Amino acid sequence: MRESRLEQYENLMEALVDHYLSVDSLAFACNMDCIAVNQRLGFLIKNGLVEEKKCHNKKLFALTKRGLSIHKTLAITRRMEKLRPLSKVIDDALLTLPRFDEQGVETRKRQNPNENY
């Protein structure tokens, strides 16, 4: 399935996290066409996420501080989305476990807070 533009932007930013890369290197790293890379870089530069630098008559691209912070935020969001199903399983497991008071006597099981609604 074809990647969305957002996924392409994320891939470009991921490739630029630790490196200064040229258009050709970015195209290879992201498995994209050079024309598409140029278009996506234009958008990222216009929005202040990527900067262009010249080094030995080559154009190299790197993330700005803003781009790096947005990349980190997206990475955290992706990790949290992966953990969401796990937290649901943990919540369900906690509802089924018996509860013991301080003397070790079993009391009623935890009630689901939304059970009456």
PDB file of N, CA and C in Angstrom:
ATOM      1  N   MET A   1       0.831  -1.175   0.000  1.00  0.00           N
ATOM      2  CA  MET A   1       0.000   0.000   0.000  1.00  0.00           C
ATOM      3  C   MET A   1       0.880   1.244   0.000  1.00  0.00           C
ATOM      4  N   ARG A   2       0.444   2.258  -0.692  1.00  0.00           N
ATOM      5  CA  ARG A   2       1.203   3.487  -0.827  1.00  0.00           C
ATOM      6  C   ARG A   2       1.180   4.289   0.478  1.00  0.00           C
ATOM      7  N   GLU A   3       2.308   4.922   0.787  1.00  0.00           N
ATOM      8  CA  GLU A   3       2.409   5.732   1.993  1.00  0.00           C
ATOM      9  C   GLU A   3       1.664   7.044   1.826  1.00  0.00           C
ATOM     10  N   SER A   4       1.092   7.536   2.905  1.00  0.00           N
ATOM     11  CA  SER A   4       0.461   8.850   2.880  1.00  0.00           C
ATOM     12  C   SER A   4       1.556   9.921   2.950  1.00  0.00           C
ATOM     13  N   ARG A   5       1.173  11.152   2.703  1.00  0.00           N
ATOM     14  CA  ARG A   5       2.152  12.236   2.790  1.00  0.00           C
ATOM     15  C   ARG A   5       2.702  12.377   4.203  1.00  0.00           C
ATOM     16  N   LEU A   6       1.818  12.216   5.175  1.00  0.00           N
ATOM     17  CA  LEU A   6       2.269  12.315   6.556  1.00  0.00           C
ATOM     18  C   LEU A   6       3.333  11.264   6.859  1.00  0.00           C
ATOM     19  N   GLU A   7       3.124  10.047   6.394  1.00  0.00           N
ATOM     20  CA  GLU A   7       4.121   8.989   6.596  1.00  0.00           C
ATOM     21  C   GLU A   7       5.422   9.324   5.869  1.00  0.00           C
ATOM     22  N   GLN A   8       5.330   9.922   4.699  1.00  0.00           N
ATOM     23  CA  GLN A   8       6.536  10.316   3.970  1.00  0.00           C
ATOM     24  C   GLN A   8       7.285  11.406   4.727  1.00  0.00           C
ATOM     25  N   TYR A   9       6.548  12.385   5.287  1.00  0.00           N
ATOM     26  CA  TYR A   9       7.189  13.425   6.086  1.00  0.00           C
ATOM     27  C   TYR A   9       7.877  12.812   7.301  1.00  0.00           C
ATOM     28  N   GLU A  10       7.187  11.880   7.949  1.00  0.00           N
ATOM     29  CA  GLU A  10       7.772  11.224   9.121  1.00  0.00           C
ATOM     30  C   GLU A  10       9.033  10.450   8.744  1.00  0.00           C
ATOM     31  N   ASN A  11       9.012   9.750   7.623  1.00  0.00           N
ATOM     32  CA  ASN A  11      10.188   8.994   7.174  1.00  0.00           C
ATOM     33  C   ASN A  11      11.367   9.923   6.888  1.00  0.00           C
ATOM     34  N   LEU A  12      11.092  11.043   6.230  1.00  0.00           N
ATOM     35  CA  LEU A  12      12.163  12.004   5.949  1.00  0.00           C
ATOM     36  C   LEU A  12      12.757  12.554   7.242  1.00  0.00           C
ATOM     37  N   MET A  13      11.895  12.894   8.183  1.00  0.00           N
ATOM     38  CA  MET A  13      12.378  13.433   9.453  1.00  0.00           C
ATOM     39  C   MET A  13      13.162  12.370  10.225  1.00  0.00           C
ATOM     40  N   GLU A  14      12.711  11.134  10.158  1.00  0.00           N
ATOM     41  CA  GLU A  14      13.425  10.035  10.820  1.00  0.00           C
ATOM     42  C   GLU A  14      14.822   9.871  10.236  1.00  0.00           C
ATOM     43  N   ALA A  15      14.941   9.985   8.919  1.00  0.00           N
ATOM     44  CA  ALA A  15      16.242   9.834   8.264  1.00  0.00           C
ATOM     45  C   ALA A  15      17.183  10.991   8.620  1.00  0.00           C
ATOM     46  N   LEU A  16      16.607  12.156   8.899  1.00  0.00           N
ATOM     47  CA  LEU A  16      17.422  13.342   9.167  1.00  0.00           C
ATOM     48  C   LEU A  16      17.731  13.555  10.648  1.00  0.00           C
ATOM     49  N   VAL A  17      17.307  12.665  11.508  1.00  0.00           N
ATOM     50  CA  VAL A  17      17.501  12.859  12.946  1.00  0.00           C
ATOM     51  C   VAL A  17      18.977  12.996  13.301  1.00  0.00           C
ATOM     52  N   ASP A  18      19.806  12.116  12.836  1.00  0.00           N
ATOM     53  CA  ASP A  18      21.215  12.118  13.228  1.00  0.00           C
ATOM     54  C   ASP A  18      22.177  12.511  12.117  1.00  0.00           C
ATOM     55  N   HIS A  19      21.670  12.780  10.922  1.00  0.00           N
ATOM     56  CA  HIS A  19      22.556  12.963   9.775  1.00  0.00           C
ATOM     57  C   HIS A  19      22.182  14.198   8.957  1.00  0.00           C
ATOM     58  N   TYR A  20      23.181  14.749   8.305  1.00  0.00           N
ATOM     59  CA  TYR A  20      22.966  15.709   7.232  1.00  0.00           C
ATOM     60  C   TYR A  20      22.952  14.870   5.954  1.00  0.00           C
ATOM     61  N   LEU A  21      21.874  14.946   5.188  1.00  0.00           N
ATOM     62  CA  LEU A  21      21.768  14.116   3.993  1.00  0.00           C
ATOM     63  C   LEU A  21      21.407  14.946   2.774  1.00  0.00           C
ATOM     64  N   SER A  22      21.857  14.460   1.608  1.00  0.00           N
ATOM     65  CA  SER A  22      21.491  15.087   0.346  1.00  0.00           C
ATOM     66  C   SER A  22      20.159  14.506  -0.119  1.00  0.00           C
ATOM     67  N   VAL A  23      19.622  15.066  -1.183  1.00  0.00           N
ATOM     68  CA  VAL A  23      18.353  14.587  -1.733  1.00  0.00           C
ATOM     69  C   VAL A  23      18.480  13.128  -2.166  1.00  0.00           C
ATOM     70  N   ASP A  24      19.585  12.797  -2.841  1.00  0.00           N
ATOM     71  CA  ASP A  24      19.781  11.412  -3.285  1.00  0.00           C
ATOM     72  C   ASP A  24      19.842  10.442  -2.111  1.00  0.00           C
ATOM     73  N   SER A  25      20.566  10.829  -1.066  1.00  0.00           N
ATOM     74  CA  SER A  25      20.676   9.969   0.109  1.00  0.00           C
ATOM     75  C   SER A  25      19.330   9.797   0.802  1.00  0.00           C
ATOM     76  N   LEU A  26      18.567  10.890   0.868  1.00  0.00           N
ATOM     77  CA  LEU A  26      17.236  10.808   1.462  1.00  0.00           C
ATOM     78  C   LEU A  26      16.319   9.912   0.641  1.00  0.00           C
ATOM     79  N   ALA A  27      16.392  10.049  -0.669  1.00  0.00           N
ATOM     80  CA  ALA A  27      15.552   9.223  -1.543  1.00  0.00           C
ATOM     81  C   ALA A  27      15.868   7.749  -1.339  1.00  0.00           C
ATOM     82  N   PHE A  28      17.147   7.422  -1.213  1.00  0.00           N
ATOM     83  CA  PHE A  28      17.544   6.037  -0.996  1.00  0.00           C
ATOM     84  C   PHE A  28      17.098   5.549   0.386  1.00  0.00           C
ATOM     85  N   ALA A  29      17.312   6.387   1.415  1.00  0.00           N
ATOM     86  CA  ALA A  29      16.976   5.994   2.785  1.00  0.00           C
ATOM     87  C   ALA A  29      15.474   5.811   2.980  1.00  0.00           C
ATOM     88  N   CYS A  30      14.680   6.623   2.285  1.00  0.00           N
ATOM     89  CA  CYS A  30      13.227   6.577   2.461  1.00  0.00           C
ATOM     90  C   CYS A  30      12.516   5.795   1.364  1.00  0.00           C
ATOM     91  N   ASN A  31      13.282   5.267   0.423  1.00  0.00           N
ATOM     92  CA  ASN A  31      12.703   4.512  -0.689  1.00  0.00           C
ATOM     93  C   ASN A  31      11.654   5.340  -1.438  1.00  0.00           C
ATOM     94  N   MET A  32      12.062   6.561  -1.799  1.00  0.00           N
ATOM     95  CA  MET A  32      11.177   7.496  -2.497  1.00  0.00           C
ATOM     96  C   MET A  32      11.868   8.013  -3.755  1.00  0.00           C
ATOM     97  N   ASP A  33      11.097   8.597  -4.619  1.00  0.00           N
ATOM     98  CA  ASP A  33      11.601   9.241  -5.824  1.00  0.00           C
ATOM     99  C   ASP A  33      12.212  10.593  -5.452  1.00  0.00           C
ATOM    100  N   CYS A  34      13.273  10.999  -6.145  1.00  0.00           N
ATOM    101  CA  CYS A  34      13.941  12.271  -5.843  1.00  0.00           C
ATOM    102  C   CYS A  34      13.005  13.470  -5.998  1.00  0.00           C
ATOM    103  N   ILE A  35      12.120  13.412  -6.967  1.00  0.00           N
ATOM    104  CA  ILE A  35      11.167  14.514  -7.180  1.00  0.00           C
ATOM    105  C   ILE A  35      10.228  14.627  -5.985  1.00  0.00           C
ATOM    106  N   ALA A  36       9.745  13.493  -5.504  1.00  0.00           N
ATOM    107  CA  ALA A  36       8.865  13.498  -4.331  1.00  0.00           C
ATOM    108  C   ALA A  36       9.620  13.995  -3.099  1.00  0.00           C
ATOM    109  N   VAL A  37      10.871  13.591  -2.961  1.00  0.00           N
ATOM    110  CA  VAL A  37      11.683  14.051  -1.825  1.00  0.00           C
ATOM    111  C   VAL A  37      11.832  15.565  -1.879  1.00  0.00           C
ATOM    112  N   ASN A  38      12.112  16.119  -3.062  1.00  0.00           N
ATOM    113  CA  ASN A  38      12.234  17.575  -3.206  1.00  0.00           C
ATOM    114  C   ASN A  38      10.942  18.275  -2.810  1.00  0.00           C
ATOM    115  N   GLN A  39       9.811  17.740  -3.230  1.00  0.00           N
ATOM    116  CA  GLN A  39       8.521  18.351  -2.890  1.00  0.00           C
ATOM    117  C   GLN A  39       8.280  18.309  -1.390  1.00  0.00           C
ATOM    118  N   ARG A  40       8.534  17.172  -0.782  1.00  0.00           N
ATOM    119  CA  ARG A  40       8.307  17.032   0.666  1.00  0.00           C
ATOM    120  C   ARG A  40       9.279  17.913   1.443  1.00  0.00           C
ATOM    121  N   LEU A  41      10.529  17.995   0.989  1.00  0.00           N
ATOM    122  CA  LEU A  41      11.509  18.857   1.656  1.00  0.00           C
ATOM    123  C   LEU A  41      11.101  20.321   1.556  1.00  0.00           C
ATOM    124  N   GLY A  42      10.554  20.711   0.423  1.00  0.00           N
ATOM    125  CA  GLY A  42      10.083  22.092   0.259  1.00  0.00           C
ATOM    126  C   GLY A  42       9.041  22.449   1.308  1.00  0.00           C
ATOM    127  N   PHE A  43       8.116  21.544   1.538  1.00  0.00           N
ATOM    128  CA  PHE A  43       7.086  21.760   2.559  1.00  0.00           C
ATOM    129  C   PHE A  43       7.712  21.837   3.957  1.00  0.00           C
ATOM    130  N   LEU A  44       8.626  20.910   4.251  1.00  0.00           N
ATOM    131  CA  LEU A  44       9.249  20.887   5.579  1.00  0.00           C
ATOM    132  C   LEU A  44      10.110  22.134   5.816  1.00  0.00           C
ATOM    133  N   ILE A  45      10.784  22.610   4.779  1.00  0.00           N
ATOM    134  CA  ILE A  45      11.599  23.825   4.897  1.00  0.00           C
ATOM    135  C   ILE A  45      10.701  25.037   5.109  1.00  0.00           C
ATOM    136  N   LYS A  46       9.621  25.097   4.343  1.00  0.00           N
ATOM    137  CA  LYS A  46       8.688  26.225   4.446  1.00  0.00           C
ATOM    138  C   LYS A  46       8.092  26.328   5.844  1.00  0.00           C
ATOM    139  N   ASN A  47       7.902  25.208   6.500  1.00  0.00           N
ATOM    140  CA  ASN A  47       7.318  25.195   7.839  1.00  0.00           C
ATOM    141  C   ASN A  47       8.360  25.187   8.958  1.00  0.00           C
ATOM    142  N   GLY A  48       9.628  25.337   8.604  1.00  0.00           N
ATOM    143  CA  GLY A  48      10.684  25.492   9.598  1.00  0.00           C
ATOM    144  C   GLY A  48      11.098  24.216  10.308  1.00  0.00           C
ATOM    145  N   LEU A  49      10.854  23.052   9.700  1.00  0.00           N
ATOM    146  CA  LEU A  49      11.219  21.787  10.323  1.00  0.00           C
ATOM    147  C   LEU A  49      12.561  21.267   9.827  1.00  0.00           C
ATOM    148  N   VAL A  50      12.938  21.668   8.631  1.00  0.00           N
ATOM    149  CA  VAL A  50      14.187  21.229   8.014  1.00  0.00           C
ATOM    150  C   VAL A  50      14.907  22.468   7.505  1.00  0.00           C
ATOM    151  N   GLU A  51      16.232  22.432   7.584  1.00  0.00           N
ATOM    152  CA  GLU A  51      17.036  23.526   7.036  1.00  0.00           C
ATOM    153  C   GLU A  51      17.995  22.986   5.991  1.00  0.00           C
ATOM    154  N   GLU A  52      18.326  23.846   5.046  1.00  0.00           N
ATOM    155  CA  GLU A  52      19.248  23.475   3.965  1.00  0.00           C
ATOM    156  C   GLU A  52      20.605  24.100   4.251  1.00  0.00           C
ATOM    157  N   LYS A  53      21.650  23.303   4.121  1.00  0.00           N
ATOM    158  CA  LYS A  53      23.014  23.798   4.322  1.00  0.00           C
ATOM    159  C   LYS A  53      23.838  23.428   3.105  1.00  0.00           C
ATOM    160  N   LYS A  54      24.819  24.279   2.792  1.00  0.00           N
ATOM    161  CA  LYS A  54      25.725  23.989   1.677  1.00  0.00           C
ATOM    162  C   LYS A  54      27.066  23.563   2.239  1.00  0.00           C
ATOM    163  N   CYS A  55      27.564  22.459   1.729  1.00  0.00           N
ATOM    164  CA  CYS A  55      28.847  21.944   2.171  1.00  0.00           C
ATOM    165  C   CYS A  55      29.563  21.365   0.955  1.00  0.00           C
ATOM    166  N   HIS A  56      30.689  21.945   0.576  1.00  0.00           N
ATOM    167  CA  HIS A  56      31.458  21.497  -0.588  1.00  0.00           C
ATOM    168  C   HIS A  56      30.588  21.450  -1.839  1.00  0.00           C
ATOM    169  N   ASN A  57      29.867  22.534  -2.086  1.00  0.00           N
ATOM    170  CA  ASN A  57      28.994  22.679  -3.257  1.00  0.00           C
ATOM    171  C   ASN A  57      27.891  21.630  -3.327  1.00  0.00           C
ATOM    172  N   LYS A  58      27.534  21.051  -2.205  1.00  0.00           N
ATOM    173  CA  LYS A  58      26.415  20.111  -2.132  1.00  0.00           C
ATOM    174  C   LYS A  58      25.366  20.679  -1.196  1.00  0.00           C
ATOM    175  N   LYS A  59      24.109  20.448  -1.532  1.00  0.00           N
ATOM    176  CA  LYS A  59      23.017  20.829  -0.641  1.00  0.00           C
ATOM    177  C   LYS A  59      22.742  19.668   0.307  1.00  0.00           C
ATOM    178  N   LEU A  60      22.880  19.947   1.585  1.00  0.00           N
ATOM    179  CA  LEU A  60      22.583  18.949   2.605  1.00  0.00           C
ATOM    180  C   LEU A  60      21.428  19.458   3.455  1.00  0.00           C
ATOM    181  N   PHE A  61      20.652  18.541   3.977  1.00  0.00           N
ATOM    182  CA  PHE A  61      19.478  18.900   4.755  1.00  0.00           C
ATOM    183  C   PHE A  61      19.583  18.308   6.149  1.00  0.00           C
ATOM    184  N   ALA A  62      19.047  19.058   7.131  1.00  0.00           N
ATOM    185  CA  ALA A  62      19.076  18.616   8.524  1.00  0.00           C
ATOM    186  C   ALA A  62      17.828  19.129   9.222  1.00  0.00           C
ATOM    187  N   LEU A  63      17.469  18.478  10.315  1.00  0.00           N
ATOM    188  CA  LEU A  63      16.330  18.928  11.112  1.00  0.00           C
ATOM    189  C   LEU A  63      16.709  20.166  11.913  1.00  0.00           C
ATOM    190  N   THR A  64      15.757  21.072  12.055  1.00  0.00           N
ATOM    191  CA  THR A  64      15.932  22.208  12.951  1.00  0.00           C
ATOM    192  C   THR A  64      15.531  21.753  14.356  1.00  0.00           C
ATOM    193  N   LYS A  65      15.677  22.640  15.341  1.00  0.00           N
ATOM    194  CA  LYS A  65      15.259  22.303  16.702  1.00  0.00           C
ATOM    195  C   LYS A  65      13.757  22.028  16.737  1.00  0.00           C
ATOM    196  N   ARG A  66      13.020  22.823  15.996  1.00  0.00           N
ATOM    197  CA  ARG A  66      11.569  22.624  15.928  1.00  0.00           C
ATOM    198  C   ARG A  66      11.241  21.268  15.307  1.00  0.00           C
ATOM    199  N   GLY A  67      11.934  20.931  14.235  1.00  0.00           N
ATOM    200  CA  GLY A  67      11.716  19.646  13.578  1.00  0.00           C
ATOM    201  C   GLY A  67      12.060  18.480  14.486  1.00  0.00           C
ATOM    202  N   LEU A  68      13.131  18.622  15.246  1.00  0.00           N
ATOM    203  CA  LEU A  68      13.531  17.563  16.170  1.00  0.00           C
ATOM    204  C   LEU A  68      12.492  17.374  17.273  1.00  0.00           C
ATOM    205  N   SER A  69      11.961  18.475  17.797  1.00  0.00           N
ATOM    206  CA  SER A  69      10.953  18.345  18.855  1.00  0.00           C
ATOM    207  C   SER A  69       9.662  17.734  18.316  1.00  0.00           C
ATOM    208  N   ILE A  70       9.279  18.068  17.098  1.00  0.00           N
ATOM    209  CA  ILE A  70       8.082  17.466  16.506  1.00  0.00           C
ATOM    210  C   ILE A  70       8.320  15.987  16.239  1.00  0.00           C
ATOM    211  N   HIS A  71       9.506  15.644  15.792  1.00  0.00           N
ATOM    212  CA  HIS A  71       9.830  14.229  15.563  1.00  0.00           C
ATOM    213  C   HIS A  71       9.741  13.438  16.865  1.00  0.00           C
ATOM    214  N   LYS A  72      10.260  13.984  17.954  1.00  0.00           N
ATOM    215  CA  LYS A  72      10.198  13.304  19.246  1.00  0.00           C
ATOM    216  C   LYS A  72       8.755  13.144  19.713  1.00  0.00           C
ATOM    217  N   THR A  73       7.944  14.165  19.499  1.00  0.00           N
ATOM    218  CA  THR A  73       6.534  14.096  19.888  1.00  0.00           C
ATOM    219  C   THR A  73       5.817  13.003  19.099  1.00  0.00           C
ATOM    220  N   LEU A  74       6.078  12.923  17.813  1.00  0.00           N
ATOM    221  CA  LEU A  74       5.459  11.879  16.988  1.00  0.00           C
ATOM    222  C   LEU A  74       5.915  10.489  17.431  1.00  0.00           C
ATOM    223  N   ALA A  75       7.180  10.355  17.787  1.00  0.00           N
ATOM    224  CA  ALA A  75       7.698   9.058  18.237  1.00  0.00           C
ATOM    225  C   ALA A  75       7.036   8.636  19.545  1.00  0.00           C
ATOM    226  N   ILE A  76       6.851   9.570  20.470  1.00  0.00           N
ATOM    227  CA  ILE A  76       6.186   9.263  21.735  1.00  0.00           C
ATOM    228  C   ILE A  76       4.735   8.874  21.491  1.00  0.00           C
ATOM    229  N   THR A  77       4.076   9.580  20.590  1.00  0.00           N
ATOM    230  CA  THR A  77       2.679   9.271  20.272  1.00  0.00           C
ATOM    231  C   THR A  77       2.555   7.872  19.693  1.00  0.00           C
ATOM    232  N   ARG A  78       3.477   7.495  18.815  1.00  0.00           N
ATOM    233  CA  ARG A  78       3.445   6.140  18.240  1.00  0.00           C
ATOM    234  C   ARG A  78       3.618   5.083  19.320  1.00  0.00           C
ATOM    235  N   ARG A  79       4.551   5.325  20.254  1.00  0.00           N
ATOM    236  CA  ARG A  79       4.760   4.367  21.344  1.00  0.00           C
ATOM    237  C   ARG A  79       3.533   4.251  22.232  1.00  0.00           C
ATOM    238  N   MET A  80       2.892   5.373  22.519  1.00  0.00           N
ATOM    239  CA  MET A  80       1.692   5.357  23.361  1.00  0.00           C
ATOM    240  C   MET A  80       0.550   4.604  22.677  1.00  0.00           C
ATOM    241  N   GLU A  81       0.422   4.750  21.369  1.00  0.00           N
ATOM    242  CA  GLU A  81      -0.624   4.025  20.644  1.00  0.00           C
ATOM    243  C   GLU A  81      -0.396   2.521  20.696  1.00  0.00           C
ATOM    244  N   LYS A  82       0.853   2.100  20.709  1.00  0.00           N
ATOM    245  CA  LYS A  82       1.152   0.668  20.816  1.00  0.00           C
ATOM    246  C   LYS A  82       0.810   0.142  22.200  1.00  0.00           C
ATOM    247  N   LEU A  83       0.934   0.993  23.229  1.00  0.00           N
ATOM    248  CA  LEU A  83       0.669   0.569  24.600  1.00  0.00           C
ATOM    249  C   LEU A  83      -0.812   0.612  24.974  1.00  0.00           C
ATOM    250  N   ARG A  84      -1.626   1.302  24.209  1.00  0.00           N
ATOM    251  CA  ARG A  84      -3.040   1.462  24.541  1.00  0.00           C
ATOM    252  C   ARG A  84      -3.752   0.118  24.711  1.00  0.00           C
ATOM    253  N   PRO A  85      -3.627  -0.843  23.793  1.00  0.00           N
ATOM    254  CA  PRO A  85      -4.314  -2.128  24.003  1.00  0.00           C
ATOM    255  C   PRO A  85      -3.831  -2.854  25.258  1.00  0.00           C
ATOM    256  N   LEU A  86      -2.555  -2.688  25.583  1.00  0.00           N
ATOM    257  CA  LEU A  86      -2.007  -3.335  26.766  1.00  0.00           C
ATOM    258  C   LEU A  86      -2.618  -2.759  28.038  1.00  0.00           C
ATOM    259  N   SER A  87      -2.829  -1.460  28.087  1.00  0.00           N
ATOM    260  CA  SER A  87      -3.416  -0.852  29.277  1.00  0.00           C
ATOM    261  C   SER A  87      -4.853  -1.319  29.476  1.00  0.00           C
ATOM    262  N   LYS A  88      -5.587  -1.550  28.402  1.00  0.00           N
ATOM    263  CA  LYS A  88      -6.953  -2.080  28.497  1.00  0.00           C
ATOM    264  C   LYS A  88      -6.931  -3.474  29.101  1.00  0.00           C
ATOM    265  N   VAL A  89      -6.000  -4.313  28.702  1.00  0.00           N
ATOM    266  CA  VAL A  89      -5.878  -5.672  29.239  1.00  0.00           C
ATOM    267  C   VAL A  89      -5.542  -5.617  30.726  1.00  0.00           C
ATOM    268  N   ILE A  90      -4.649  -4.725  31.116  1.00  0.00           N
ATOM    269  CA  ILE A  90      -4.265  -4.598  32.520  1.00  0.00           C
ATOM    270  C   ILE A  90      -5.453  -4.130  33.361  1.00  0.00           C
ATOM    271  N   ASP A  91      -6.200  -3.154  32.867  1.00  0.00           N
ATOM    272  CA  ASP A  91      -7.379  -2.682  33.590  1.00  0.00           C
ATOM    273  C   ASP A  91      -8.391  -3.801  33.785  1.00  0.00           C
ATOM    274  N   ASP A  92      -8.637  -4.582  32.746  1.00  0.00           N
ATOM    275  CA  ASP A  92      -9.575  -5.705  32.848  1.00  0.00           C
ATOM    276  C   ASP A  92      -9.080  -6.743  33.851  1.00  0.00           C
ATOM    277  N   ALA A  93      -7.794  -7.010  33.856  1.00  0.00           N
ATOM    278  CA  ALA A  93      -7.230  -7.989  34.790  1.00  0.00           C
ATOM    279  C   ALA A  93      -7.364  -7.497  36.227  1.00  0.00           C
ATOM    280  N   LEU A  94      -7.163  -6.211  36.459  1.00  0.00           N
ATOM    281  CA  LEU A  94      -7.285  -5.675  37.811  1.00  0.00           C
ATOM    282  C   LEU A  94      -8.715  -5.766  38.329  1.00  0.00           C
ATOM    283  N   LEU A  95      -9.685  -5.666  37.439  1.00  0.00           N
ATOM    284  CA  LEU A  95     -11.083  -5.761  37.857  1.00  0.00           C
ATOM    285  C   LEU A  95     -11.458  -7.180  38.271  1.00  0.00           C
ATOM    286  N   THR A  96     -10.782  -8.180  37.756  1.00  0.00           N
ATOM    287  CA  THR A  96     -11.127  -9.562  38.071  1.00  0.00           C
ATOM    288  C   THR A  96     -10.378 -10.106  39.284  1.00  0.00           C
ATOM    289  N   LEU A  97      -9.327  -9.450  39.712  1.00  0.00           N
ATOM    290  CA  LEU A  97      -8.551  -9.924  40.857  1.00  0.00           C
ATOM    291  C   LEU A  97      -9.280  -9.648  42.164  1.00  0.00           C
ATOM    292  N   PRO A  98      -9.208 -10.584  43.132  1.00  0.00           N
ATOM    293  CA  PRO A  98      -9.800 -10.309  44.438  1.00  0.00           C
ATOM    294  C   PRO A  98      -8.965  -9.289  45.192  1.00  0.00           C
ATOM    295  N   ARG A  99      -9.612  -8.596  46.091  1.00  0.00           N
ATOM    296  CA  ARG A  99      -8.927  -7.558  46.846  1.00  0.00           C
ATOM    297  C   ARG A  99      -8.790  -8.022  48.300  1.00  0.00           C
ATOM    298  N   PHE A 100      -7.617  -7.836  48.894  1.00  0.00           N
ATOM    299  CA  PHE A 100      -7.366  -8.229  50.276  1.00  0.00           C
ATOM    300  C   PHE A 100      -7.186  -6.987  51.123  1.00  0.00           C
ATOM    301  N   ASP A 101      -7.772  -7.009  52.331  1.00  0.00           N
ATOM    302  CA  ASP A 101      -7.545  -5.880  53.224  1.00  0.00           C
ATOM    303  C   ASP A 101      -6.215  -6.072  53.947  1.00  0.00           C
ATOM    304  N   GLU A 102      -5.907  -5.207  54.913  1.00  0.00           N
ATOM    305  CA  GLU A 102      -4.592  -5.246  55.563  1.00  0.00           C
ATOM    306  C   GLU A 102      -4.351  -6.522  56.355  1.00  0.00           C
ATOM    307  N   GLN A 103      -5.406  -7.187  56.835  1.00  0.00           N
ATOM    308  CA  GLN A 103      -5.236  -8.417  57.591  1.00  0.00           C
ATOM    309  C   GLN A 103      -5.174  -9.636  56.683  1.00  0.00           C
ATOM    310  N   GLY A 104      -5.250  -9.464  55.379  1.00  0.00           N
ATOM    311  CA  GLY A 104      -5.172 -10.576  54.449  1.00  0.00           C
ATOM    312  C   GLY A 104      -6.510 -11.247  54.204  1.00  0.00           C
ATOM    313  N   VAL A 105      -7.604 -10.610  54.634  1.00  0.00           N
ATOM    314  CA  VAL A 105      -8.930 -11.174  54.424  1.00  0.00           C
ATOM    315  C   VAL A 105      -9.450 -10.682  53.081  1.00  0.00           C
ATOM    316  N   GLU A 106      -9.958 -11.632  52.300  1.00  0.00           N
ATOM    317  CA  GLU A 106     -10.465 -11.280  50.970  1.00  0.00           C
ATOM    318  C   GLU A 106     -11.762 -10.505  51.106  1.00  0.00           C
ATOM    319  N   THR A 107     -11.850  -9.399  50.384  1.00  0.00           N
ATOM    320  CA  THR A 107     -13.087  -8.609  50.361  1.00  0.00           C
ATOM    321  C   THR A 107     -13.696  -8.715  48.975  1.00  0.00           C
ATOM    322  N   ARG A 108     -14.772  -7.960  48.758  1.00  0.00           N
ATOM    323  CA  ARG A 108     -15.438  -7.990  47.453  1.00  0.00           C
ATOM    324  C   ARG A 108     -14.475  -7.627  46.331  1.00  0.00           C
ATOM    325  N   LYS A 109     -14.751  -8.193  45.171  1.00  0.00           N
ATOM    326  CA  LYS A 109     -13.940  -7.836  44.003  1.00  0.00           C
ATOM    327  C   LYS A 109     -14.200  -6.382  43.652  1.00  0.00           C
ATOM    328  N   ARG A 110     -13.216  -5.777  42.993  1.00  0.00           N
ATOM    329  CA  ARG A 110     -13.356  -4.382  42.579  1.00  0.00           C
ATOM    330  C   ARG A 110     -14.532  -4.236  41.643  1.00  0.00           C
ATOM    331  N   GLN A 111     -15.259  -3.193  41.827  1.00  0.00           N
ATOM    332  CA  GLN A 111     -16.387  -2.909  40.948  1.00  0.00           C
ATOM    333  C   GLN A 111     -15.894  -2.111  39.753  1.00  0.00           C
ATOM    334  N   ASN A 112     -16.446  -2.407  38.610  1.00  0.00           N
ATOM    335  CA  ASN A 112     -16.147  -1.610  37.422  1.00  0.00           C
ATOM    336  C   ASN A 112     -16.795  -0.246  37.629  1.00  0.00           C
ATOM    337  N   PRO A 113     -16.041   0.876  37.545  1.00  0.00           N
ATOM    338  CA  PRO A 113     -16.615   2.196  37.821  1.00  0.00           C
ATOM    339  C   PRO A 113     -17.768   2.545  36.881  1.00  0.00           C
ATOM    340  N   ASN A 114     -17.820   1.979  35.709  1.00  0.00           N
ATOM    341  CA  ASN A 114     -18.879   2.304  34.735  1.00  0.00           C
ATOM    342  C   ASN A 114     -19.943   1.214  34.669  1.00  0.00           C
ATOM    343  N   GLU A 115     -19.962   0.332  35.654  1.00  0.00           N
ATOM    344  CA  GLU A 115     -20.843  -0.822  35.610  1.00  0.00           C
ATOM    345  C   GLU A 115     -22.315  -0.434  35.685  1.00  0.00           C
ATOM    346  N   ASN A 116     -22.641   0.624  36.409  1.00  0.00           N
ATOM    347  CA  ASN A 116     -24.039   1.011  36.611  1.00  0.00           C
ATOM    348  C   ASN A 116     -24.564   1.910  35.507  1.00  0.00           C
ATOM    349  N   TYR A 117     -23.775   2.240  34.557  1.00  0.00           N
ATOM    350  CA  TYR A 117     -24.209   3.192  33.523  1.00  0.00           C
ATOM    351  C   TYR A 117     -24.513   2.532  32.225  1.00  0.00           C
TER     352      TYR A 117
END
